[in-house]
Amino acid sequence: MLTTRRFVQSVVASAVALAAIAIPTVALLQDGPVQFPIQITIADPLP
């Protein structure tokens, strides 16, 4: 049970961190379209 709880907490923490990164990114994309290609490059790493 503790392992499942820790897993859920880590997933929630990851979702919060992702939201904390995505929200300012979306705000930057709405403010300046110049940022768009840079964000695509960061979000899509080369294989």
C-alpha atoms as a PDB file:
ATOM      1  CA  MET A   1       0.000   0.000   0.000  1.00  0.00           C
ATOM      2  CA  LEU A   2       2.837   2.400   0.789  1.00  0.00           C
ATOM      3  CA  THR A   3       4.433   1.675  -2.581  1.00  0.00           C
ATOM      4  CA  THR A   4       1.180   2.468  -4.387  1.00  0.00           C
ATOM      5  CA  ARG A   5       0.766   5.660  -2.366  1.00  0.00           C
ATOM      6  CA  ARG A   6       4.314   6.763  -3.167  1.00  0.00           C
ATOM      7  CA  PHE A   7       3.722   5.977  -6.837  1.00  0.00           C
ATOM      8  CA  VAL A   8       0.563   8.088  -6.850  1.00  0.00           C
ATOM      9  CA  GLN A   9       2.374  10.919  -5.080  1.00  0.00           C
ATOM     10  CA  SER A  10       5.211  10.808  -7.613  1.00  0.00           C
ATOM     11  CA  VAL A  11       2.724  10.859 -10.498  1.00  0.00           C
ATOM     12  CA  VAL A  12       0.903  13.825  -8.965  1.00  0.00           C
ATOM     13  CA  ALA A  13       4.200  15.615  -8.373  1.00  0.00           C
ATOM     14  CA  SER A  14       5.211  14.978 -11.987  1.00  0.00           C
ATOM     15  CA  ALA A  15       1.874  16.331 -13.219  1.00  0.00           C
ATOM     16  CA  VAL A  16       2.282  19.448 -11.078  1.00  0.00           C
ATOM     17  CA  ALA A  17       5.826  19.967 -12.363  1.00  0.00           C
ATOM     18  CA  LEU A  18       4.654  19.474 -15.949  1.00  0.00           C
ATOM     19  CA  ALA A  19       1.868  22.009 -15.435  1.00  0.00           C
ATOM     20  CA  ALA A  20       4.340  24.451 -13.861  1.00  0.00           C
ATOM     21  CA  ILE A  21       6.466  24.185 -17.023  1.00  0.00           C
ATOM     22  CA  ALA A  22       3.606  24.076 -19.537  1.00  0.00           C
ATOM     23  CA  ILE A  23       1.594  27.039 -18.225  1.00  0.00           C
ATOM     24  CA  PRO A  24       4.379  29.658 -18.655  1.00  0.00           C
ATOM     25  CA  THR A  25       5.285  28.050 -22.003  1.00  0.00           C
ATOM     26  CA  VAL A  26       1.723  28.490 -23.264  1.00  0.00           C
ATOM     27  CA  ALA A  27       1.750  32.060 -21.973  1.00  0.00           C
ATOM     28  CA  LEU A  28       4.978  32.733 -23.888  1.00  0.00           C
ATOM     29  CA  LEU A  29       3.521  31.157 -27.026  1.00  0.00           C
ATOM     30  CA  GLN A  30       0.457  33.404 -26.776  1.00  0.00           C
ATOM     31  CA  ASP A  31       2.550  36.520 -26.119  1.00  0.00           C
ATOM     32  CA  GLY A  32       5.227  35.960 -28.763  1.00  0.00           C
ATOM     33  CA  PRO A  33       4.970  33.546 -31.720  1.00  0.00           C
ATOM     34  CA  VAL A  34       8.770  33.830 -32.070  1.00  0.00           C
ATOM     35  CA  GLN A  35       9.146  31.412 -29.150  1.00  0.00           C
ATOM     36  CA  PHE A  36       7.174  28.694 -30.959  1.00  0.00           C
ATOM     37  CA  PRO A  37       9.957  26.997 -32.987  1.00  0.00           C
ATOM     38  CA  ILE A  38      12.259  27.067 -29.948  1.00  0.00           C
ATOM     39  CA  GLN A  39       9.644  25.353 -27.780  1.00  0.00           C
ATOM     40  CA  ILE A  40       9.056  22.699 -30.459  1.00  0.00           C
ATOM     41  CA  THR A  41      12.792  21.968 -30.517  1.00  0.00           C
ATOM     42  CA  ILE A  42      12.915  21.610 -26.733  1.00  0.00           C
ATOM     43  CA  ALA A  43       9.751  19.499 -26.544  1.00  0.00           C
ATOM     44  CA  ASP A  44      10.863  17.228 -29.414  1.00  0.00           C
ATOM     45  CA  PRO A  45      14.424  16.016 -28.717  1.00  0.00           C
ATOM     46  CA  LEU A  46      16.366  14.411 -31.540  1.00  0.00           C
ATOM     47  CA  PRO A  47      16.339  10.593 -31.570  1.00  0.00           C
END
